[in-house]
N, C-alpha and C. Protein backbone atom coordinates (compact mmCIF):
# COMPACT_ATOMS: atom_id res chain seq x y z
N MET A 1 165.89 130.04 31.56
CA MET A 1 166.16 129.18 32.63
C MET A 1 167.13 128.23 32.50
N ARG A 2 167.91 128.05 33.62
CA ARG A 2 169.03 127.15 33.46
C ARG A 2 168.75 125.73 33.37
N SER A 3 169.45 124.84 32.63
CA SER A 3 169.31 123.65 32.60
C SER A 3 169.03 122.92 34.03
N LEU A 4 169.91 123.28 35.08
CA LEU A 4 169.44 122.58 36.10
C LEU A 4 168.51 122.90 36.78
N GLN A 5 168.06 124.22 36.73
CA GLN A 5 166.81 124.46 37.37
C GLN A 5 165.70 123.81 36.76
N LYS A 6 165.69 123.59 35.21
CA LYS A 6 164.66 122.96 34.62
C LYS A 6 164.58 121.56 35.18
N GLU A 7 165.73 120.98 35.24
CA GLU A 7 165.81 119.68 35.53
C GLU A 7 165.14 119.32 37.04
N ILE A 8 165.42 120.01 37.88
CA ILE A 8 165.09 120.08 39.34
C ILE A 8 163.43 120.21 39.34
N MET A 9 162.97 121.24 38.70
CA MET A 9 161.51 121.39 38.28
C MET A 9 160.89 120.33 37.87
N GLU A 10 161.26 119.58 36.77
CA GLU A 10 160.67 118.47 36.11
C GLU A 10 160.80 117.22 37.11
N THR A 11 161.75 117.25 37.89
CA THR A 11 161.96 116.01 38.77
C THR A 11 161.10 115.99 39.84
N LEU A 12 160.88 117.66 40.60
CA LEU A 12 159.92 117.54 41.70
C LEU A 12 158.61 117.92 41.06
N LYS A 13 158.42 117.98 39.87
CA LYS A 13 157.04 118.19 39.25
C LYS A 13 156.60 119.52 39.83
N VAL A 14 157.25 120.64 39.73
CA VAL A 14 156.74 122.21 40.43
C VAL A 14 156.34 123.09 39.14
N GLN A 15 155.57 123.95 39.31
CA GLN A 15 155.54 124.95 38.19
C GLN A 15 156.27 126.06 38.19
N PRO A 16 156.55 126.67 37.05
CA PRO A 16 157.57 127.71 37.07
C PRO A 16 157.05 129.07 37.71
N SER A 17 155.74 129.13 37.98
CA SER A 17 155.13 130.50 38.62
C SER A 17 154.12 129.83 39.30
N ILE A 18 153.59 130.60 40.49
CA ILE A 18 152.58 130.09 41.27
C ILE A 18 151.71 131.29 41.50
N ASP A 19 150.34 130.73 41.19
CA ASP A 19 149.23 131.88 41.46
C ASP A 19 148.62 131.67 42.85
N PRO A 20 148.91 132.51 43.82
CA PRO A 20 148.63 132.39 45.34
C PRO A 20 146.98 131.85 45.68
N GLN A 21 146.18 132.64 44.75
CA GLN A 21 144.80 132.47 44.92
C GLN A 21 144.43 131.08 44.60
N GLU A 22 144.98 130.50 43.43
CA GLU A 22 144.60 129.00 42.84
C GLU A 22 145.17 128.22 44.16
N GLU A 23 146.53 128.50 44.30
CA GLU A 23 147.23 127.48 45.57
C GLU A 23 146.04 127.43 46.94
N PHE A 24 145.63 128.64 47.00
CA PHE A 24 144.84 128.82 48.42
C PHE A 24 143.63 127.84 48.16
N ARG A 25 143.02 127.95 46.89
CA ARG A 25 141.49 127.49 46.56
C ARG A 25 142.03 126.05 46.46
N ARG A 26 143.27 125.48 45.98
CA ARG A 26 143.51 124.25 45.88
C ARG A 26 143.81 123.32 47.15
N SER A 27 144.32 124.11 48.25
CA SER A 27 144.46 123.81 49.51
C SER A 27 143.22 123.38 50.18
N VAL A 28 142.26 124.55 49.95
CA VAL A 28 141.12 124.66 50.75
C VAL A 28 140.13 123.34 50.33
N GLU A 29 140.29 122.90 48.84
CA GLU A 29 139.61 121.88 48.48
C GLU A 29 140.14 120.72 48.93
N PHE A 30 141.24 120.45 49.04
CA PHE A 30 141.98 119.42 49.62
C PHE A 30 141.58 118.84 51.14
N ILE A 31 141.37 119.88 51.89
CA ILE A 31 141.19 119.84 53.27
C ILE A 31 139.66 119.46 53.37
N LYS A 32 139.02 120.10 52.42
CA LYS A 32 137.49 119.77 52.53
C LYS A 32 137.38 118.27 52.22
N ALA A 33 137.82 117.94 51.03
CA ALA A 33 137.82 116.58 50.48
C ALA A 33 138.34 115.78 51.64
N TYR A 34 139.31 115.68 52.29
CA TYR A 34 139.92 114.98 53.12
C TYR A 34 138.85 114.81 54.15
N LEU A 35 138.38 115.83 54.72
CA LEU A 35 137.60 115.65 55.83
C LEU A 35 136.18 115.06 55.51
N THR A 36 135.68 115.39 54.43
CA THR A 36 134.57 114.57 53.76
C THR A 36 134.78 112.99 53.84
N LYS A 37 135.67 112.68 53.29
CA LYS A 37 136.22 111.20 53.11
C LYS A 37 136.22 110.68 54.57
N HIS A 38 136.82 111.43 55.44
CA HIS A 38 137.14 110.89 56.88
C HIS A 38 136.12 111.60 57.87
N ALA A 39 134.73 111.26 57.64
CA ALA A 39 133.74 111.89 58.32
C ALA A 39 133.86 111.95 59.84
N PHE A 40 134.68 110.91 60.40
CA PHE A 40 135.03 110.71 61.78
C PHE A 40 135.62 111.79 62.29
N LEU A 41 136.55 112.57 61.62
CA LEU A 41 137.37 113.70 61.87
C LEU A 41 136.38 114.83 62.28
N LYS A 42 136.71 115.47 63.68
CA LYS A 42 135.84 116.57 64.22
C LYS A 42 136.66 117.91 63.89
N SER A 43 138.03 117.69 63.84
CA SER A 43 138.84 119.08 63.90
C SER A 43 140.10 118.99 63.13
N VAL A 44 141.03 119.95 62.64
CA VAL A 44 141.88 120.09 62.15
C VAL A 44 142.91 120.66 62.74
N VAL A 45 144.34 120.08 62.69
CA VAL A 45 145.28 120.93 63.21
C VAL A 45 146.18 121.50 62.04
N LEU A 46 146.22 122.82 61.90
CA LEU A 46 146.75 123.27 60.56
C LEU A 46 148.04 123.93 60.82
N GLY A 47 149.12 123.39 60.55
CA GLY A 47 150.60 124.06 60.73
C GLY A 47 150.85 124.83 59.45
N ILE A 48 151.22 125.93 59.57
CA ILE A 48 151.80 126.98 58.48
C ILE A 48 153.09 127.47 58.68
N SER A 49 153.92 127.33 58.11
CA SER A 49 155.49 127.89 58.14
C SER A 49 155.61 128.72 56.93
N GLY A 50 156.93 129.32 56.80
CA GLY A 50 157.26 130.14 55.70
C GLY A 50 156.97 131.58 55.93
N GLY A 51 156.67 131.90 57.24
CA GLY A 51 156.36 133.52 57.52
C GLY A 51 154.98 133.81 57.51
N ALA A 52 154.02 132.79 57.02
CA ALA A 52 152.72 133.30 57.02
C ALA A 52 151.92 133.17 58.42
N GLY A 53 151.13 134.45 58.46
CA GLY A 53 150.68 134.87 59.95
C GLY A 53 149.54 134.04 60.47
N LEU A 54 149.41 134.11 61.59
CA LEU A 54 148.13 133.34 62.42
C LEU A 54 146.85 133.75 61.44
N ASP A 55 146.75 134.86 61.20
CA ASP A 55 145.54 135.20 60.33
C ASP A 55 145.27 134.34 59.16
N SER A 56 146.32 133.87 58.23
CA SER A 56 146.18 132.97 57.21
C SER A 56 145.53 131.66 57.79
N GLY A 57 146.11 131.09 58.73
CA GLY A 57 145.56 129.82 59.23
C GLY A 57 144.28 129.89 59.58
N TRP A 58 143.44 131.00 60.10
CA TRP A 58 142.22 131.16 60.34
C TRP A 58 141.54 131.26 59.23
N VAL A 59 141.88 132.00 58.15
CA VAL A 59 141.30 132.14 56.85
C VAL A 59 141.29 130.80 56.09
N TYR A 60 142.18 129.85 56.36
CA TYR A 60 142.33 128.38 55.48
C TYR A 60 141.08 127.61 56.19
N VAL A 61 140.98 127.66 57.69
CA VAL A 61 140.13 126.93 58.56
C VAL A 61 138.73 127.49 58.23
N SER A 62 138.47 128.68 58.11
CA SER A 62 137.23 129.17 58.14
C SER A 62 136.62 128.65 56.78
N ASN A 63 137.37 128.95 55.74
CA ASN A 63 136.86 128.54 54.44
C ASN A 63 136.67 127.08 54.19
N CYS A 64 137.68 126.15 55.12
CA CYS A 64 137.08 124.77 55.09
C CYS A 64 136.05 124.34 55.84
N CYS A 65 135.69 125.10 56.49
CA CYS A 65 134.35 124.55 57.26
C CYS A 65 133.20 125.12 56.78
N LYS A 66 133.09 125.75 55.78
CA LYS A 66 131.77 126.33 55.34
C LYS A 66 130.95 125.34 54.60
């Protein structure tokens, strides 16, 4: 890894690799915790960018609402 890459990763606090399943679980837990903390909220608008399809959004929402 080049020194500039390492510096950027340290500054932005990012991991050198990403486990998609873990990131998915972390995202779902974040949304669940937020909705629990703000119980007056009855719905969520979820915007996904970066090429993820609509199906991914439905999976997120359905997992959060269980």
